[in-house]
């Protein structure tokens, strides 16, 4: 079960990612990805797991920015939005 708070954050992250792709704004995409991570933490309802995952999420964003930002914005957003849809669909 996804709470209304988490669902709202998932929707916000998906919209922000789509806007970032349309505008080609990599930094906006990274901010949207961070928002997705926050939504995942709320949905997980496990503060310990969220604290453990946070450094990995940060490193993952940095890695993506370094190696995929120029070519993978639309593809990455597509995968993220598919994940969000799957979570919201249960």
PDB file of N, CA and C in Angstrom:
ATOM      1  N   UNK A   1       0.837  -1.184   0.000  1.00  0.00           N
ATOM      2  CA  UNK A   1       0.000   0.000   0.000  1.00  0.00           C
ATOM      3  C   UNK A   1       0.880   1.244   0.000  1.00  0.00           C
ATOM      4  N   UNK A   2       0.611   2.165  -0.909  1.00  0.00           N
ATOM      5  CA  UNK A   2       1.349   3.416  -0.994  1.00  0.00           C
ATOM      6  C   UNK A   2       0.484   4.524  -0.397  1.00  0.00           C
ATOM      7  N   UNK A   3       1.045   5.247   0.544  1.00  0.00           N
ATOM      8  CA  UNK A   3       0.305   6.335   1.180  1.00  0.00           C
ATOM      9  C   UNK A   3       0.058   7.473   0.188  1.00  0.00           C
ATOM     10  N   UNK A   4      -0.879   8.318   0.489  1.00  0.00           N
ATOM     11  CA  UNK A   4      -1.176   9.482  -0.356  1.00  0.00           C
ATOM     12  C   UNK A   4       0.058  10.374  -0.465  1.00  0.00           C
ATOM     13  N   UNK A   5       0.772  10.559   0.643  1.00  0.00           N
ATOM     14  CA  UNK A   5       1.978  11.393   0.635  1.00  0.00           C
ATOM     15  C   UNK A   5       3.012  10.849  -0.351  1.00  0.00           C
ATOM     16  N   UNK A   6       3.266   9.546  -0.288  1.00  0.00           N
ATOM     17  CA  UNK A   6       4.240   8.935  -1.192  1.00  0.00           C
ATOM     18  C   UNK A   6       3.744   8.999  -2.634  1.00  0.00           C
ATOM     19  N   UNK A   7       2.468   8.710  -2.842  1.00  0.00           N
ATOM     20  CA  UNK A   7       1.905   8.753  -4.198  1.00  0.00           C
ATOM     21  C   UNK A   7       2.048  10.147  -4.801  1.00  0.00           C
ATOM     22  N   UNK A   8       1.782  11.167  -4.001  1.00  0.00           N
ATOM     23  CA  UNK A   8       1.930  12.541  -4.490  1.00  0.00           C
ATOM     24  C   UNK A   8       3.376  12.833  -4.881  1.00  0.00           C
ATOM     25  N   UNK A   9       4.325  12.363  -4.075  1.00  0.00           N
ATOM     26  CA  UNK A   9       5.746  12.571  -4.401  1.00  0.00           C
ATOM     27  C   UNK A   9       6.147  11.792  -5.654  1.00  0.00           C
ATOM     28  N   UNK A  10       5.621  10.583  -5.801  1.00  0.00           N
ATOM     29  CA  UNK A  10       5.907   9.806  -7.015  1.00  0.00           C
ATOM     30  C   UNK A  10       5.393  10.549  -8.250  1.00  0.00           C
ATOM     31  N   UNK A  11       4.181  11.070  -8.179  1.00  0.00           N
ATOM     32  CA  UNK A  11       3.615  11.817  -9.305  1.00  0.00           C
ATOM     33  C   UNK A  11       4.443  13.060  -9.594  1.00  0.00           C
ATOM     34  N   UNK A  12       4.826  13.767  -8.550  1.00  0.00           N
ATOM     35  CA  UNK A  12       5.632  14.976  -8.711  1.00  0.00           C
ATOM     36  C   UNK A  12       6.976  14.651  -9.370  1.00  0.00           C
ATOM     37  N   UNK A  13       7.598  13.557  -8.935  1.00  0.00           N
ATOM     38  CA  UNK A  13       8.881  13.154  -9.511  1.00  0.00           C
ATOM     39  C   UNK A  13       8.728  12.787 -10.988  1.00  0.00           C
ATOM     40  N   UNK A  14       7.679  12.045 -11.319  1.00  0.00           N
ATOM     41  CA  UNK A  14       7.455  11.650 -12.715  1.00  0.00           C
ATOM     42  C   UNK A  14       7.249  12.874 -13.602  1.00  0.00           C
ATOM     43  N   UNK A  15       6.437  13.812 -13.150  1.00  0.00           N
ATOM     44  CA  UNK A  15       6.206  15.028 -13.932  1.00  0.00           C
ATOM     45  C   UNK A  15       7.481  15.842 -14.083  1.00  0.00           C
ATOM     46  N   UNK A  16       8.250  15.942 -13.010  1.00  0.00           N
ATOM     47  CA  UNK A  16       9.510  16.689 -13.064  1.00  0.00           C
ATOM     48  C   UNK A  16      10.491  16.039 -14.030  1.00  0.00           C
ATOM     49  N   UNK A  17      10.525  14.718 -14.049  1.00  0.00           N
ATOM     50  CA  UNK A  17      11.415  14.021 -14.987  1.00  0.00           C
ATOM     51  C   UNK A  17      10.987  14.267 -16.420  1.00  0.00           C
ATOM     52  N   UNK A  18       9.692  14.198 -16.666  1.00  0.00           N
ATOM     53  CA  UNK A  18       9.201  14.437 -18.024  1.00  0.00           C
ATOM     54  C   UNK A  18       9.514  15.866 -18.472  1.00  0.00           C
ATOM     55  N   UNK A  19       9.350  16.829 -17.596  1.00  0.00           N
ATOM     56  CA  UNK A  19       9.679  18.220 -17.924  1.00  0.00           C
ATOM     57  C   UNK A  19      11.175  18.377 -18.190  1.00  0.00           C
ATOM     58  N   UNK A  20      11.989  17.685 -17.408  1.00  0.00           N
ATOM     59  CA  UNK A  20      13.441  17.755 -17.595  1.00  0.00           C
ATOM     60  C   UNK A  20      13.847  17.200 -18.959  1.00  0.00           C
ATOM     61  N   UNK A  21      13.199  16.126 -19.375  1.00  0.00           N
ATOM     62  CA  UNK A  21      13.504  15.554 -20.685  1.00  0.00           C
ATOM     63  C   UNK A  21      13.105  16.527 -21.788  1.00  0.00           C
ATOM     64  N   UNK A  22      11.913  17.098 -21.680  1.00  0.00           N
ATOM     65  CA  UNK A  22      11.432  18.028 -22.705  1.00  0.00           C
ATOM     66  C   UNK A  22      12.366  19.231 -22.832  1.00  0.00           C
ATOM     67  N   UNK A  23      12.810  19.736 -21.704  1.00  0.00           N
ATOM     68  CA  UNK A  23      13.688  20.914 -21.728  1.00  0.00           C
ATOM     69  C   UNK A  23      15.161  20.552 -21.903  1.00  0.00           C
ATOM     70  N   UNK A  24      15.489  19.256 -21.770  1.00  0.00           N
ATOM     71  CA  UNK A  24      16.887  18.833 -21.874  1.00  0.00           C
ATOM     72  C   UNK A  24      17.719  19.273 -20.689  1.00  0.00           C
ATOM     73  N   UNK A  25      17.077  19.476 -19.552  1.00  0.00           N
ATOM     74  CA  UNK A  25      17.752  19.994 -18.369  1.00  0.00           C
ATOM     75  C   UNK A  25      18.194  18.847 -17.459  1.00  0.00           C
ATOM     76  N   UNK A  26      19.466  18.527 -17.538  1.00  0.00           N
ATOM     77  CA  UNK A  26      20.021  17.405 -16.773  1.00  0.00           C
ATOM     78  C   UNK A  26      19.952  17.673 -15.267  1.00  0.00           C
ATOM     79  N   UNK A  27      20.238  18.891 -14.846  1.00  0.00           N
ATOM     80  CA  UNK A  27      20.209  19.196 -13.413  1.00  0.00           C
ATOM     81  C   UNK A  27      18.793  19.077 -12.851  1.00  0.00           C
ATOM     82  N   UNK A  28      17.794  19.457 -13.620  1.00  0.00           N
ATOM     83  CA  UNK A  28      16.403  19.270 -13.177  1.00  0.00           C
ATOM     84  C   UNK A  28      16.073  17.794 -13.061  1.00  0.00           C
ATOM     85  N   UNK A  29      16.613  17.002 -13.976  1.00  0.00           N
ATOM     86  CA  UNK A  29      16.382  15.563 -13.896  1.00  0.00           C
ATOM     87  C   UNK A  29      16.991  14.993 -12.620  1.00  0.00           C
ATOM     88  N   UNK A  30      18.183  15.432 -12.289  1.00  0.00           N
ATOM     89  CA  UNK A  30      18.842  14.940 -11.073  1.00  0.00           C
ATOM     90  C   UNK A  30      18.032  15.322  -9.834  1.00  0.00           C
ATOM     91  N   UNK A  31      17.472  16.515  -9.824  1.00  0.00           N
ATOM     92  CA  UNK A  31      16.619  16.924  -8.707  1.00  0.00           C
ATOM     93  C   UNK A  31      15.359  16.054  -8.647  1.00  0.00           C
ATOM     94  N   UNK A  32      14.798  15.734  -9.790  1.00  0.00           N
ATOM     95  CA  UNK A  32      13.618  14.872  -9.830  1.00  0.00           C
ATOM     96  C   UNK A  32      13.968  13.465  -9.350  1.00  0.00           C
ATOM     97  N   UNK A  33      15.159  12.998  -9.690  1.00  0.00           N
ATOM     98  CA  UNK A  33      15.608  11.686  -9.236  1.00  0.00           C
ATOM     99  C   UNK A  33      15.735  11.663  -7.711  1.00  0.00           C
ATOM    100  N   UNK A  34      16.227  12.736  -7.148  1.00  0.00           N
ATOM    101  CA  UNK A  34      16.323  12.853  -5.688  1.00  0.00           C
ATOM    102  C   UNK A  34      14.922  12.819  -5.066  1.00  0.00           C
ATOM    103  N   UNK A  35      13.973  13.481  -5.693  1.00  0.00           N
ATOM    104  CA  UNK A  35      12.590  13.460  -5.225  1.00  0.00           C
ATOM    105  C   UNK A  35      12.025  12.037  -5.270  1.00  0.00           C
ATOM    106  N   UNK A  36      12.358  11.308  -6.323  1.00  0.00           N
ATOM    107  CA  UNK A  36      11.942   9.903  -6.413  1.00  0.00           C
ATOM    108  C   UNK A  36      12.519   9.102  -5.255  1.00  0.00           C
ATOM    109  N   UNK A  37      13.778   9.330  -4.939  1.00  0.00           N
ATOM    110  CA  UNK A  37      14.395   8.631  -3.809  1.00  0.00           C
ATOM    111  C   UNK A  37      13.668   8.930  -2.504  1.00  0.00           C
ATOM    112  N   UNK A  38      13.259  10.184  -2.330  1.00  0.00           N
ATOM    113  CA  UNK A  38      12.514  10.555  -1.125  1.00  0.00           C
ATOM    114  C   UNK A  38      11.157   9.851  -1.087  1.00  0.00           C
ATOM    115  N   UNK A  39      10.502   9.753  -2.231  1.00  0.00           N
ATOM    116  CA  UNK A  39       9.225   9.047  -2.301  1.00  0.00           C
ATOM    117  C   UNK A  39       9.408   7.569  -1.974  1.00  0.00           C
ATOM    118  N   UNK A  40      10.474   6.977  -2.491  1.00  0.00           N
ATOM    119  CA  UNK A  40      10.760   5.571  -2.195  1.00  0.00           C
ATOM    120  C   UNK A  40      10.989   5.359  -0.702  1.00  0.00           C
ATOM    121  N   UNK A  41      11.684   6.291  -0.078  1.00  0.00           N
ATOM    122  CA  UNK A  41      11.945   6.180   1.359  1.00  0.00           C
ATOM    123  C   UNK A  41      10.642   6.230   2.151  1.00  0.00           C
ATOM    124  N   UNK A  42       9.748   7.127   1.771  1.00  0.00           N
ATOM    125  CA  UNK A  42       8.462   7.217   2.462  1.00  0.00           C
ATOM    126  C   UNK A  42       7.639   5.957   2.220  1.00  0.00           C
ATOM    127  N   UNK A  43       7.611   5.494   0.976  1.00  0.00           N
ATOM    128  CA  UNK A  43       6.831   4.300   0.644  1.00  0.00           C
ATOM    129  C   UNK A  43       7.364   3.058   1.348  1.00  0.00           C
ATOM    130  N   UNK A  44       8.678   2.994   1.521  1.00  0.00           N
ATOM    131  CA  UNK A  44       9.272   1.828   2.188  1.00  0.00           C
ATOM    132  C   UNK A  44       8.910   1.770   3.658  1.00  0.00           C
ATOM    133  N   UNK A  45       8.657   2.926   4.242  1.00  0.00           N
ATOM    134  CA  UNK A  45       8.305   3.004   5.665  1.00  0.00           C
ATOM    135  C   UNK A  45       9.338   2.286   6.534  1.00  0.00           C
ATOM    136  N   UNK A  46      10.610   2.510   6.186  1.00  0.00           N
ATOM    137  CA  UNK A  46      11.703   1.879   6.912  1.00  0.00           C
ATOM    138  C   UNK A  46      12.860   2.881   6.950  1.00  0.00           C
ATOM    139  N   UNK A  47      12.934   3.642   8.015  1.00  0.00           N
ATOM    140  CA  UNK A  47      13.939   4.704   8.088  1.00  0.00           C
ATOM    141  C   UNK A  47      15.362   4.160   8.054  1.00  0.00           C
ATOM    142  N   UNK A  48      15.577   2.963   8.625  1.00  0.00           N
ATOM    143  CA  UNK A  48      16.913   2.374   8.591  1.00  0.00           C
ATOM    144  C   UNK A  48      17.325   2.087   7.143  1.00  0.00           C
ATOM    145  N   UNK A  49      16.448   1.457   6.378  1.00  0.00           N
ATOM    146  CA  UNK A  49      16.756   1.141   4.980  1.00  0.00           C
ATOM    147  C   UNK A  49      16.975   2.422   4.174  1.00  0.00           C
ATOM    148  N   UNK A  50      16.184   3.444   4.451  1.00  0.00           N
ATOM    149  CA  UNK A  50      16.335   4.713   3.738  1.00  0.00           C
ATOM    150  C   UNK A  50      17.700   5.334   4.026  1.00  0.00           C
ATOM    151  N   UNK A  51      18.138   5.283   5.283  1.00  0.00           N
ATOM    152  CA  UNK A  51      19.457   5.833   5.636  1.00  0.00           C
ATOM    153  C   UNK A  51      20.580   5.041   4.986  1.00  0.00           C
ATOM    154  N   UNK A  52      20.423   3.735   4.888  1.00  0.00           N
ATOM    155  CA  UNK A  52      21.447   2.896   4.269  1.00  0.00           C
ATOM    156  C   UNK A  52      21.513   3.155   2.761  1.00  0.00           C
ATOM    157  N   UNK A  53      20.356   3.341   2.138  1.00  0.00           N
ATOM    158  CA  UNK A  53      20.300   3.520   0.686  1.00  0.00           C
ATOM    159  C   UNK A  53      20.747   4.908   0.239  1.00  0.00           C
ATOM    160  N   UNK A  54      20.601   5.907   1.083  1.00  0.00           N
ATOM    161  CA  UNK A  54      20.866   7.297   0.688  1.00  0.00           C
ATOM    162  C   UNK A  54      22.252   7.512   0.068  1.00  0.00           C
ATOM    163  N   UNK A  55      23.338   7.023   0.682  1.00  0.00           N
ATOM    164  CA  UNK A  55      24.653   7.234   0.055  1.00  0.00           C
ATOM    165  C   UNK A  55      24.777   6.539  -1.308  1.00  0.00           C
ATOM    166  N   UNK A  56      24.164   5.372  -1.446  1.00  0.00           N
ATOM    167  CA  UNK A  56      24.205   4.675  -2.730  1.00  0.00           C
ATOM    168  C   UNK A  56      23.446   5.457  -3.801  1.00  0.00           C
ATOM    169  N   UNK A  57      22.324   6.041  -3.406  1.00  0.00           N
ATOM    170  CA  UNK A  57      21.549   6.832  -4.348  1.00  0.00           C
ATOM    171  C   UNK A  57      22.350   8.048  -4.805  1.00  0.00           C
ATOM    172  N   UNK A  58      23.028   8.689  -3.884  1.00  0.00           N
ATOM    173  CA  UNK A  58      23.849   9.852  -4.222  1.00  0.00           C
ATOM    174  C   UNK A  58      24.965   9.465  -5.188  1.00  0.00           C
ATOM    175  N   UNK A  59      25.659   8.382  -4.895  1.00  0.00           N
ATOM    176  CA  UNK A  59      26.741   7.933  -5.776  1.00  0.00           C
ATOM    177  C   UNK A  59      26.198   7.530  -7.144  1.00  0.00           C
ATOM    178  N   UNK A  60      25.032   6.912  -7.164  1.00  0.00           N
ATOM    179  CA  UNK A  60      24.420   6.510  -8.424  1.00  0.00           C
ATOM    180  C   UNK A  60      24.102   7.725  -9.291  1.00  0.00           C
ATOM    181  N   UNK A  61      23.566   8.773  -8.684  1.00  0.00           N
ATOM    182  CA  UNK A  61      23.290  10.006  -9.440  1.00  0.00           C
ATOM    183  C   UNK A  61      24.581  10.597 -10.005  1.00  0.00           C
ATOM    184  N   UNK A  62      25.623  10.618  -9.198  1.00  0.00           N
ATOM    185  CA  UNK A  62      26.906  11.169  -9.662  1.00  0.00           C
ATOM    186  C   UNK A  62      27.475  10.341 -10.813  1.00  0.00           C
ATOM    187  N   UNK A  63      27.393   9.035 -10.693  1.00  0.00           N
ATOM    188  CA  UNK A  63      27.875   8.145 -11.747  1.00  0.00           C
ATOM    189  C   UNK A  63      27.092   8.405 -13.032  1.00  0.00           C
ATOM    190  N   UNK A  64      25.765   8.449 -12.915  1.00  0.00           N
ATOM    191  CA  UNK A  64      24.923   8.689 -14.088  1.00  0.00           C
ATOM    192  C   UNK A  64      25.274  10.031 -14.720  1.00  0.00           C
ATOM    193  N   UNK A  65      25.423  11.066 -13.905  1.00  0.00           N
ATOM    194  CA  UNK A  65      25.744  12.394 -14.416  1.00  0.00           C
ATOM    195  C   UNK A  65      27.058  12.361 -15.191  1.00  0.00           C
ATOM    196  N   UNK A  66      28.026  11.643 -14.671  1.00  0.00           N
ATOM    197  CA  UNK A  66      29.352  11.582 -15.309  1.00  0.00           C
ATOM    198  C   UNK A  66      29.335  10.801 -16.615  1.00  0.00           C
ATOM    199  N   UNK A  67      28.614   9.680 -16.669  1.00  0.00           N
ATOM    200  CA  UNK A  67      28.732   8.775 -17.804  1.00  0.00           C
ATOM    201  C   UNK A  67      27.527   8.709 -18.728  1.00  0.00           C
ATOM    202  N   UNK A  68      26.367   9.162 -18.301  1.00  0.00           N
ATOM    203  CA  UNK A  68      25.172   9.002 -19.124  1.00  0.00           C
ATOM    204  C   UNK A  68      24.391  10.281 -19.369  1.00  0.00           C
ATOM    205  N   UNK A  69      24.708  11.339 -18.694  1.00  0.00           N
ATOM    206  CA  UNK A  69      23.889  12.550 -18.772  1.00  0.00           C
ATOM    207  C   UNK A  69      23.738  13.074 -20.198  1.00  0.00           C
ATOM    208  N   UNK A  70      24.775  12.966 -20.994  1.00  0.00           N
ATOM    209  CA  UNK A  70      24.713  13.514 -22.350  1.00  0.00           C
ATOM    210  C   UNK A  70      23.851  12.691 -23.289  1.00  0.00           C
ATOM    211  N   UNK A  71      23.730  11.403 -23.045  1.00  0.00           N
ATOM    212  CA  UNK A  71      23.032  10.539 -23.994  1.00  0.00           C
ATOM    213  C   UNK A  71      21.829   9.816 -23.411  1.00  0.00           C
ATOM    214  N   UNK A  72      21.709   9.777 -22.097  1.00  0.00           N
ATOM    215  CA  UNK A  72      20.712   8.901 -21.523  1.00  0.00           C
ATOM    216  C   UNK A  72      19.564   9.543 -20.791  1.00  0.00           C
ATOM    217  N   UNK A  73      19.302  10.823 -21.012  1.00  0.00           N
ATOM    218  CA  UNK A  73      18.258  11.500 -20.242  1.00  0.00           C
ATOM    219  C   UNK A  73      16.874  10.903 -20.510  1.00  0.00           C
ATOM    220  N   UNK A  74      16.476  10.804 -21.749  1.00  0.00           N
ATOM    221  CA  UNK A  74      15.141  10.282 -22.077  1.00  0.00           C
ATOM    222  C   UNK A  74      15.012   8.817 -21.679  1.00  0.00           C
ATOM    223  N   UNK A  75      16.026   8.042 -21.965  1.00  0.00           N
ATOM    224  CA  UNK A  75      15.979   6.615 -21.627  1.00  0.00           C
ATOM    225  C   UNK A  75      15.907   6.415 -20.118  1.00  0.00           C
ATOM    226  N   UNK A  76      16.695   7.156 -19.390  1.00  0.00           N
ATOM    227  CA  UNK A  76      16.689   7.040 -17.938  1.00  0.00           C
ATOM    228  C   UNK A  76      15.335   7.454 -17.360  1.00  0.00           C
ATOM    229  N   UNK A  77      14.782   8.545 -17.866  1.00  0.00           N
ATOM    230  CA  UNK A  77      13.475   9.000 -17.390  1.00  0.00           C
ATOM    231  C   UNK A  77      12.410   7.951 -17.685  1.00  0.00           C
ATOM    232  N   UNK A  78      12.488   7.343 -18.842  1.00  0.00           N
ATOM    233  CA  UNK A  78      11.523   6.298 -19.212  1.00  0.00           C
ATOM    234  C   UNK A  78      11.556   5.149 -18.208  1.00  0.00           C
ATOM    235  N   UNK A  79      12.743   4.721 -17.824  1.00  0.00           N
ATOM    236  CA  UNK A  79      12.871   3.630 -16.849  1.00  0.00           C
ATOM    237  C   UNK A  79      12.359   4.050 -15.473  1.00  0.00           C
ATOM    238  N   UNK A  80      12.672   5.269 -15.075  1.00  0.00           N
ATOM    239  CA  UNK A  80      12.221   5.768 -13.774  1.00  0.00           C
ATOM    240  C   UNK A  80      10.696   5.875 -13.719  1.00  0.00           C
ATOM    241  N   UNK A  81      10.100   6.406 -14.776  1.00  0.00           N
ATOM    242  CA  UNK A  81       8.644   6.563 -14.807  1.00  0.00           C
ATOM    243  C   UNK A  81       7.967   5.190 -14.841  1.00  0.00           C
ATOM    244  N   UNK A  82       8.560   4.236 -15.528  1.00  0.00           N
ATOM    245  CA  UNK A  82       8.002   2.872 -15.526  1.00  0.00           C
ATOM    246  C   UNK A  82       8.027   2.289 -14.116  1.00  0.00           C
ATOM    247  N   UNK A  83       9.105   2.538 -13.389  1.00  0.00           N
ATOM    248  CA  UNK A  83       9.194   2.080 -12.002  1.00  0.00           C
ATOM    249  C   UNK A  83       8.108   2.736 -11.154  1.00  0.00           C
ATOM    250  N   UNK A  84       7.925   4.033 -11.318  1.00  0.00           N
ATOM    251  CA  UNK A  84       6.907   4.757 -10.562  1.00  0.00           C
ATOM    252  C   UNK A  84       5.523   4.185 -10.866  1.00  0.00           C
ATOM    253  N   UNK A  85       5.230   3.955 -12.135  1.00  0.00           N
ATOM    254  CA  UNK A  85       3.921   3.380 -12.507  1.00  0.00           C
ATOM    255  C   UNK A  85       3.718   2.013 -11.861  1.00  0.00           C
ATOM    256  N   UNK A  86       4.751   1.202 -11.890  1.00  0.00           N
ATOM    257  CA  UNK A  86       4.653  -0.134 -11.283  1.00  0.00           C
ATOM    258  C   UNK A  86       4.366  -0.054  -9.787  1.00  0.00           C
ATOM    259  N   UNK A  87       5.041   0.844  -9.112  1.00  0.00           N
ATOM    260  CA  UNK A  87       4.816   1.000  -7.668  1.00  0.00           C
ATOM    261  C   UNK A  87       3.396   1.466  -7.403  1.00  0.00           C
ATOM    262  N   UNK A  88       2.940   2.456  -8.154  1.00  0.00           N
ATOM    263  CA  UNK A  88       1.591   2.990  -7.932  1.00  0.00           C
ATOM    264  C   UNK A  88       0.513   1.990  -8.316  1.00  0.00           C
ATOM    265  N   UNK A  89       0.807   1.108  -9.266  1.00  0.00           N
ATOM    266  CA  UNK A  89      -0.148   0.067  -9.654  1.00  0.00           C
ATOM    267  C   UNK A  89      -0.150  -1.110  -8.675  1.00  0.00           C
ATOM    268  N   UNK A  90       0.793  -1.103  -7.768  1.00  0.00           N
ATOM    269  CA  UNK A  90       0.860  -2.168  -6.769  1.00  0.00           C
ATOM    270  C   UNK A  90       1.504  -3.422  -7.296  1.00  0.00           C
TER     271      UNK A  90
END
